[in-house]
Structures are given as C-alpha cells and as structure tokens.
Amino acid sequence: MIFVADVYRRLALVPGYDPSVRDENAPRPTDPSFRITYHLWKPGSTTYKKSDPGPPDFRIAVVDARETSMPTLAQLSGLLDTTPYRPPQESGQMYAKFRNGHKNVILAIVDQGVTSYLRFADAGFGREKLYERKGPGPNQKRGGGRGGRGGHRGGRGR
C-alpha cells in the first residue's frame, strides 16, 4: 500500500537547496555597495553588555536607491555569506523558519530620506515536508475557542 508521503517523495524530482550544507572553501565575492552597516539588538531580549554584546538580533545593510540598483543574486549571496549561520529551531513554527531562515539580513533602502526595509533570508523550503504535517484531529475545530460573538455563550450579548 502506498501512502501519501511516499507519493510526494517519489514526485520530488528536482533536488532542493539545503542551507545547512555549506561549502566553507567557496569564494565569497562581496560588493562594497552591499555590506552590513549596522548591528541591532532588541531591548530586553538579552542582557546586553557593552563589553560582551552577544550576537545581534538584526543585521542591516544601508543602500542608497539613487546610486545602487536592485541587488543581483550574486550580490545577495555575497551579502548573506558575510552573516553567521544560525539555523532556526526545529520545534519553531514553519512561518518563522521561512521568515528568519538560516541566515538573514535587512536591506534599508534610502530614497531621498524615505527608508524602506526588505528582509532577505537564506531559507530551506525543501527541508519542510508539508505533506508530513498533521492537521487538527477529527473531533477538533480549527481556531479553537467557543465561537460566537465576543467569546460569550449564547445570544446577542445583552
């Protein structure tokens, strides 16, 4: 008997990218216009000391939109290669794993004083097996709770 997971494994013809497999000897070309400018720490996330700040929560590269065009894949790869490898927690939510990735950097694009922020992450979409994830049980409702208006029982909320 063939299960659904077996069918999806057989359909995986194209090998996916795995960010955990890194080539340490690969050349790391970097573009001077795309480099990390600031390290930021969230307030209260760690016990921050000036002598030992710990790893930053965000790495920001500031780019002038008037002098630089949209980065190419090679430029983004070079920028991401300058950040340390920090894999997401295996028990974390899938959306957070994709958003933060194994490496991430925020581009602060400045266009005549207006700043836009773009997060680029090195995420492994092929590592998440969506077909193996379990949904709610047969007797469970999606969303939980009691439902109704305002979470109260019955009627119109008199």
Protein backbone atom coordinates (compact mmCIF):
# COMPACT_ATOMS: atom_id res chain seq x y z
CA MET A 1 0.00 0.00 0.00
CA ILE A 2 1.39 3.41 -0.97
CA PHE A 3 0.95 6.27 1.47
CA VAL A 4 0.65 9.94 0.57
CA ALA A 5 4.13 10.72 1.94
CA ASP A 6 5.62 8.06 -0.37
CA VAL A 7 3.92 9.61 -3.39
CA TYR A 8 5.32 13.05 -2.58
CA ARG A 9 8.81 11.64 -2.02
CA ARG A 10 8.67 9.98 -5.45
CA LEU A 11 7.48 13.23 -7.05
CA ALA A 12 10.50 15.15 -5.69
CA LEU A 13 12.48 15.04 -8.93
CA VAL A 14 14.35 18.29 -8.54
CA PRO A 15 16.76 18.35 -5.61
CA GLY A 16 16.06 21.20 -3.25
CA TYR A 17 18.51 23.66 -1.78
CA ASP A 18 19.70 22.82 1.71
CA PRO A 19 21.28 25.79 3.52
CA SER A 20 22.70 23.55 6.23
CA VAL A 21 25.15 22.08 3.69
CA ARG A 22 27.72 24.82 3.29
CA ASP A 23 30.93 24.95 1.30
CA GLU A 24 33.43 26.64 3.59
CA ASN A 25 36.07 26.93 0.81
CA ALA A 26 33.81 28.65 -1.73
CA PRO A 27 34.94 32.15 -2.72
CA ARG A 28 32.86 34.88 -1.12
CA PRO A 29 32.61 37.79 -3.53
CA THR A 30 31.28 40.89 -1.84
CA ASP A 31 30.12 44.12 -3.38
CA PRO A 32 31.12 47.26 -1.45
CA SER A 33 27.67 48.78 -2.02
CA PHE A 34 26.04 45.79 -0.27
CA ARG A 35 27.66 45.30 3.11
CA ILE A 36 26.38 45.15 6.66
CA THR A 37 26.39 48.63 8.15
CA TYR A 38 24.63 48.23 11.50
CA HIS A 39 24.08 45.55 14.12
CA LEU A 40 20.93 45.96 16.21
CA TRP A 41 19.83 44.32 19.46
CA LYS A 42 16.24 44.20 20.70
CA PRO A 43 15.74 45.87 24.05
CA GLY A 44 15.21 43.34 26.79
CA SER A 45 15.88 40.29 24.59
CA THR A 46 19.24 39.61 26.25
CA THR A 47 21.34 41.06 28.99
CA TYR A 48 23.29 43.44 26.79
CA LYS A 49 26.76 44.44 27.94
CA LYS A 50 28.95 46.82 26.04
CA SER A 51 31.99 44.61 26.68
CA ASP A 52 30.16 41.42 25.59
CA PRO A 53 27.08 42.29 23.50
CA GLY A 54 26.39 38.80 22.15
CA PRO A 55 25.04 38.11 18.66
CA PRO A 56 22.86 40.89 17.22
CA ASP A 57 19.18 40.34 16.56
CA PHE A 58 19.30 42.18 13.23
CA ARG A 59 21.99 42.93 10.66
CA ILE A 60 21.21 45.93 8.47
CA ALA A 61 22.80 46.97 5.19
CA VAL A 62 22.03 50.55 4.16
CA VAL A 63 21.71 51.17 0.40
CA ASP A 64 21.22 54.45 -1.46
CA ALA A 65 18.48 53.88 -4.04
CA ARG A 66 19.75 56.71 -6.26
CA GLU A 67 23.24 55.22 -6.63
CA THR A 68 22.56 51.48 -6.50
CA SER A 69 20.11 49.30 -8.41
CA MET A 70 18.30 46.22 -7.12
CA PRO A 71 20.87 43.62 -6.00
CA THR A 72 21.56 40.62 -8.18
CA LEU A 73 21.51 37.07 -6.87
CA ALA A 74 25.31 37.05 -6.71
CA GLN A 75 25.34 40.28 -4.69
CA LEU A 76 22.70 38.96 -2.27
CA SER A 77 24.58 35.68 -1.90
CA GLY A 78 27.78 37.58 -1.13
CA LEU A 79 25.94 39.70 1.44
CA LEU A 80 24.33 36.66 3.09
CA ASP A 81 27.70 34.90 3.17
CA THR A 82 29.02 37.63 5.46
CA THR A 83 26.40 36.77 8.10
CA PRO A 84 26.89 33.86 10.51
CA TYR A 85 24.99 30.61 10.12
CA ARG A 86 22.16 30.44 12.70
CA PRO A 87 19.66 27.67 11.93
CA PRO A 88 16.08 28.08 13.14
CA GLN A 89 14.75 25.97 15.98
CA GLU A 90 13.39 22.65 14.77
CA SER A 91 10.40 23.00 17.07
CA GLY A 92 9.63 26.51 15.81
CA GLN A 93 6.69 27.46 13.63
CA MET A 94 7.09 26.96 9.90
CA TYR A 95 6.41 30.61 9.02
CA ALA A 96 9.12 31.82 11.42
CA LYS A 97 11.59 29.33 9.93
CA PHE A 98 10.97 30.72 6.44
CA ARG A 99 10.99 34.36 7.55
CA ASN A 100 14.25 34.17 9.50
CA GLY A 101 15.95 31.43 7.52
CA HIS A 102 19.40 30.11 8.34
CA LYS A 103 20.97 33.47 7.55
CA ASN A 104 19.18 36.79 7.13
CA VAL A 105 19.90 40.43 6.54
CA ILE A 106 17.72 43.52 6.30
CA LEU A 107 18.28 45.97 3.46
CA ALA A 108 17.45 49.55 4.43
CA ILE A 109 16.88 51.23 1.07
CA VAL A 110 17.05 55.02 1.37
CA ASP A 111 15.46 57.10 -1.41
CA GLN A 112 15.75 60.83 -0.70
CA GLY A 113 15.04 60.42 3.01
CA VAL A 114 12.34 57.74 2.68
CA THR A 115 13.54 54.41 4.03
CA SER A 116 12.10 51.05 3.02
CA TYR A 117 13.10 47.82 4.70
CA LEU A 118 13.42 44.47 2.93
CA ARG A 119 14.40 41.26 4.70
CA PHE A 120 16.36 38.70 2.71
CA ALA A 121 16.82 35.24 4.21
CA ASP A 122 18.56 32.04 3.22
CA ALA A 123 15.71 29.61 3.91
CA GLY A 124 15.41 25.93 3.10
CA PHE A 125 11.95 25.45 1.64
CA GLY A 126 12.78 21.90 0.57
CA ARG A 127 13.53 20.86 4.14
CA GLU A 128 9.97 21.46 5.33
CA LYS A 129 7.86 18.43 4.46
CA LEU A 130 4.39 19.96 4.28
CA TYR A 131 2.79 16.65 3.38
CA GLU A 132 4.02 15.11 6.66
CA ARG A 133 2.48 17.80 8.86
CA LYS A 134 -0.55 16.81 10.89
CA GLY A 135 -3.69 18.90 10.86
CA PRO A 136 -6.34 19.10 13.60
CA GLY A 137 -7.87 15.83 14.72
CA PRO A 138 -11.30 14.67 13.54
CA ASN A 139 -13.04 16.00 16.67
CA GLN A 140 -11.18 19.31 16.82
CA LYS A 141 -12.30 22.57 15.29
CA ARG A 142 -9.79 24.86 13.62
CA GLY A 143 -9.15 28.01 15.59
CA GLY A 144 -10.26 26.63 18.96
CA GLY A 145 -12.35 28.62 21.37
CA ARG A 146 -16.08 28.55 21.85
CA GLY A 147 -17.02 30.74 18.94
CA GLY A 148 -19.95 33.09 18.94
CA ARG A 149 -19.88 36.83 19.43
CA GLY A 150 -17.15 38.02 21.74
CA GLY A 151 -16.45 34.55 23.15
CA HIS A 152 -19.55 34.55 25.38
CA ARG A 153 -22.15 31.86 25.45
CA GLY A 154 -25.34 32.32 23.52
CA GLY A 155 -27.37 35.25 22.34
CA ARG A 156 -26.76 38.81 21.43
CA GLY A 157 -24.56 39.87 24.33
CA ARG A 158 -27.26 41.52 26.45
